[in-house]
Every structure is written in structure tokens, then in C-alpha cells.
Amino acid sequence: MKKERSQQMLALAEDCIKKFKASFAGEEMDVLWEKQTDDGDWTGITGNYIRVFAKSKDDLGNKLRTEKVK
């Protein structure tokens, strides 16, 4: 019973995270680019902690740029 409730709460939290991220889809937000992944994509974070990814040949490391959130 405890494990089942825990799994339900985790599923609810995951659903809330997805809805939160979806509410910003298409908006332009400032992104602090952190690092480049092994496959060449850049990973960064918005001011409200949404993780974003982008492909770029430019060095984005530690740069703040406005990007459209997908």
C-alpha cells in the first residue's frame, strides 16, 4: 500500500512538471547555457528552472541568450 501511494505521488509530480513546462512552450525566455553534451547539443536552464536543449556550432558556454522554449 505504501509503495503504491508513493508511485501515485511520483506520477502526479511528473504530470505537474510536464504541464508546467508545456505552459511555456513557444515563449521566448532567457537561457543560461551551461555545457555541451557528448552528441554536440547544448544544455541550459531558464530563470524558472526549465531545462532546454539546442544545437549550435557556436560556443554557448556560460552565455545568456533569449531562446524560444519548445
N, C-alpha and C. Protein backbone atom coordinates (compact mmCIF):
# COMPACT_ATOMS: atom_id res chain seq x y z
N MET A 1 0.82 -1.19 0.00
CA MET A 1 0.00 0.00 0.00
C MET A 1 0.87 1.26 0.00
N LYS A 2 1.90 1.27 0.83
CA LYS A 2 2.80 2.43 0.90
C LYS A 2 3.51 2.64 -0.44
N LYS A 3 3.98 1.56 -1.03
CA LYS A 3 4.68 1.64 -2.31
C LYS A 3 3.73 2.15 -3.40
N GLU A 4 2.51 1.70 -3.38
CA GLU A 4 1.52 2.12 -4.37
C GLU A 4 1.24 3.62 -4.25
N ARG A 5 1.08 4.12 -3.03
CA ARG A 5 0.85 5.55 -2.82
C ARG A 5 2.05 6.37 -3.28
N SER A 6 3.21 5.86 -3.01
CA SER A 6 4.45 6.54 -3.42
C SER A 6 4.52 6.64 -4.95
N GLN A 7 4.18 5.57 -5.63
CA GLN A 7 4.19 5.57 -7.10
C GLN A 7 3.14 6.53 -7.65
N GLN A 8 1.99 6.62 -7.00
CA GLN A 8 0.95 7.55 -7.43
C GLN A 8 1.42 9.00 -7.27
N MET A 9 2.08 9.30 -6.18
CA MET A 9 2.58 10.65 -5.93
C MET A 9 3.68 11.01 -6.93
N LEU A 10 4.55 10.07 -7.25
CA LEU A 10 5.59 10.32 -8.24
C LEU A 10 4.98 10.57 -9.62
N ALA A 11 3.96 9.82 -9.97
CA ALA A 11 3.29 10.00 -11.26
C ALA A 11 2.60 11.37 -11.30
N LEU A 12 1.99 11.77 -10.21
CA LEU A 12 1.33 13.07 -10.13
C LEU A 12 2.35 14.20 -10.27
N ALA A 13 3.49 14.06 -9.59
CA ALA A 13 4.55 15.07 -9.68
C ALA A 13 5.07 15.18 -11.11
N GLU A 14 5.26 14.07 -11.76
CA GLU A 14 5.74 14.06 -13.15
C GLU A 14 4.74 14.74 -14.07
N ASP A 15 3.48 14.49 -13.85
CA ASP A 15 2.42 15.11 -14.65
C ASP A 15 2.43 16.63 -14.45
N CYS A 16 2.60 17.07 -13.21
CA CYS A 16 2.65 18.51 -12.91
C CYS A 16 3.85 19.17 -13.60
N ILE A 17 4.98 18.49 -13.60
CA ILE A 17 6.19 19.02 -14.25
C ILE A 17 5.95 19.18 -15.76
N LYS A 18 5.35 18.18 -16.38
CA LYS A 18 5.07 18.24 -17.82
C LYS A 18 4.13 19.39 -18.15
N LYS A 19 3.10 19.57 -17.34
CA LYS A 19 2.14 20.65 -17.58
C LYS A 19 2.81 22.02 -17.39
N PHE A 20 3.67 22.14 -16.38
CA PHE A 20 4.38 23.39 -16.14
C PHE A 20 5.26 23.75 -17.34
N LYS A 21 6.04 22.78 -17.81
CA LYS A 21 6.91 23.02 -18.96
C LYS A 21 6.09 23.36 -20.21
N ALA A 22 4.99 22.65 -20.42
CA ALA A 22 4.15 22.88 -21.59
C ALA A 22 3.54 24.27 -21.58
N SER A 23 3.32 24.84 -20.40
CA SER A 23 2.70 26.16 -20.33
C SER A 23 3.63 27.26 -20.86
N PHE A 24 4.92 26.96 -20.99
CA PHE A 24 5.88 27.93 -21.51
C PHE A 24 6.31 27.64 -22.95
N ALA A 25 5.78 26.59 -23.54
CA ALA A 25 6.15 26.22 -24.91
C ALA A 25 5.83 27.36 -25.87
N GLY A 26 6.80 27.70 -26.71
CA GLY A 26 6.62 28.74 -27.69
C GLY A 26 7.00 30.14 -27.21
N GLU A 27 7.22 30.29 -25.91
CA GLU A 27 7.60 31.60 -25.37
C GLU A 27 9.11 31.81 -25.48
N GLU A 28 9.50 33.07 -25.63
CA GLU A 28 10.92 33.40 -25.62
C GLU A 28 11.35 33.70 -24.20
N MET A 29 12.42 33.04 -23.78
CA MET A 29 12.91 33.20 -22.42
C MET A 29 14.44 33.27 -22.44
N ASP A 30 14.99 33.92 -21.43
CA ASP A 30 16.44 33.94 -21.29
C ASP A 30 16.90 32.57 -20.84
N VAL A 31 17.96 32.08 -21.49
CA VAL A 31 18.52 30.76 -21.16
C VAL A 31 19.99 30.95 -20.84
N LEU A 32 20.41 30.42 -19.70
CA LEU A 32 21.83 30.38 -19.37
C LEU A 32 22.35 29.03 -19.85
N TRP A 33 23.19 29.08 -20.89
CA TRP A 33 23.74 27.85 -21.47
C TRP A 33 24.88 27.36 -20.61
N GLU A 34 24.83 26.09 -20.24
CA GLU A 34 25.78 25.54 -19.29
C GLU A 34 26.90 24.73 -19.92
N LYS A 35 26.52 23.72 -20.71
CA LYS A 35 27.56 22.85 -21.27
C LYS A 35 27.07 22.16 -22.53
N GLN A 36 28.03 21.61 -23.24
CA GLN A 36 27.74 20.87 -24.46
C GLN A 36 27.73 19.38 -24.14
N THR A 37 26.71 18.67 -24.63
CA THR A 37 26.62 17.24 -24.37
C THR A 37 27.55 16.48 -25.31
N ASP A 38 27.69 15.20 -25.08
CA ASP A 38 28.57 14.37 -25.91
C ASP A 38 28.15 14.34 -27.37
N ASP A 39 26.84 14.49 -27.63
CA ASP A 39 26.37 14.46 -29.03
C ASP A 39 26.35 15.84 -29.67
N GLY A 40 26.91 16.84 -29.00
CA GLY A 40 27.05 18.16 -29.60
C GLY A 40 25.95 19.16 -29.27
N ASP A 41 24.89 18.70 -28.62
CA ASP A 41 23.82 19.61 -28.22
C ASP A 41 24.25 20.42 -27.00
N TRP A 42 23.66 21.60 -26.87
CA TRP A 42 23.91 22.44 -25.70
C TRP A 42 22.75 22.29 -24.74
N THR A 43 23.06 22.32 -23.45
CA THR A 43 22.03 22.26 -22.42
C THR A 43 22.11 23.53 -21.57
N GLY A 44 20.95 24.05 -21.27
CA GLY A 44 20.88 25.26 -20.47
C GLY A 44 19.63 25.27 -19.62
N ILE A 45 19.47 26.35 -18.87
CA ILE A 45 18.35 26.43 -17.95
C ILE A 45 17.77 27.84 -17.97
N THR A 46 16.45 27.93 -17.90
CA THR A 46 15.77 29.22 -17.87
C THR A 46 15.73 29.74 -16.44
N GLY A 47 15.25 30.96 -16.28
CA GLY A 47 15.15 31.55 -14.96
C GLY A 47 14.18 30.84 -14.04
N ASN A 48 13.24 30.08 -14.62
CA ASN A 48 12.31 29.32 -13.79
C ASN A 48 12.62 27.81 -13.85
N TYR A 49 13.86 27.50 -14.10
CA TYR A 49 14.41 26.14 -13.98
C TYR A 49 13.87 25.13 -14.98
N ILE A 50 13.55 25.59 -16.19
CA ILE A 50 13.19 24.66 -17.25
C ILE A 50 14.46 24.31 -18.02
N ARG A 51 14.75 23.03 -18.12
CA ARG A 51 15.94 22.56 -18.84
C ARG A 51 15.63 22.61 -20.32
N VAL A 52 16.52 23.21 -21.10
CA VAL A 52 16.34 23.32 -22.55
C VAL A 52 17.58 22.79 -23.26
N PHE A 53 17.39 22.38 -24.51
CA PHE A 53 18.47 21.86 -25.33
C PHE A 53 18.44 22.56 -26.68
N ALA A 54 19.61 22.72 -27.27
CA ALA A 54 19.69 23.34 -28.60
C ALA A 54 20.93 22.84 -29.32
N LYS A 55 20.84 22.83 -30.64
CA LYS A 55 22.00 22.52 -31.46
C LYS A 55 22.64 23.83 -31.88
N SER A 56 23.93 23.94 -31.75
CA SER A 56 24.63 25.15 -32.17
C SER A 56 26.10 24.83 -32.38
N LYS A 57 26.68 25.41 -33.41
CA LYS A 57 28.11 25.26 -33.64
C LYS A 57 28.88 26.33 -32.86
N ASP A 58 28.15 27.35 -32.36
CA ASP A 58 28.77 28.40 -31.56
C ASP A 58 29.06 27.89 -30.16
N ASP A 59 30.02 28.50 -29.51
CA ASP A 59 30.31 28.20 -28.11
C ASP A 59 29.33 28.99 -27.25
N LEU A 60 28.34 28.30 -26.68
CA LEU A 60 27.32 28.95 -25.87
C LEU A 60 27.64 28.92 -24.38
N GLY A 61 28.70 28.23 -24.02
CA GLY A 61 29.02 28.03 -22.61
C GLY A 61 29.02 29.30 -21.78
N ASN A 62 28.23 29.28 -20.71
CA ASN A 62 28.13 30.37 -19.74
C ASN A 62 27.63 31.68 -20.37
N LYS A 63 26.81 31.56 -21.42
CA LYS A 63 26.24 32.73 -22.07
C LYS A 63 24.74 32.77 -21.84
N LEU A 64 24.22 33.97 -21.71
CA LEU A 64 22.79 34.18 -21.54
C LEU A 64 22.23 34.67 -22.86
N ARG A 65 21.28 33.89 -23.42
CA ARG A 65 20.67 34.27 -24.69
C ARG A 65 19.17 34.03 -24.62
N THR A 66 18.44 34.85 -25.35
CA THR A 66 16.99 34.65 -25.43
C THR A 66 16.70 33.60 -26.49
N GLU A 67 15.92 32.60 -26.09
CA GLU A 67 15.59 31.49 -26.98
C GLU A 67 14.11 31.17 -26.86
N LYS A 68 13.56 30.59 -27.91
CA LYS A 68 12.18 30.12 -27.87
C LYS A 68 12.16 28.73 -27.23
N VAL A 69 11.36 28.57 -26.19
CA VAL A 69 11.26 27.30 -25.48
C VAL A 69 10.34 26.38 -26.27
N LYS A 70 10.78 25.15 -26.46
CA LYS A 70 9.99 24.17 -27.22
C LYS A 70 9.30 23.21 -26.30
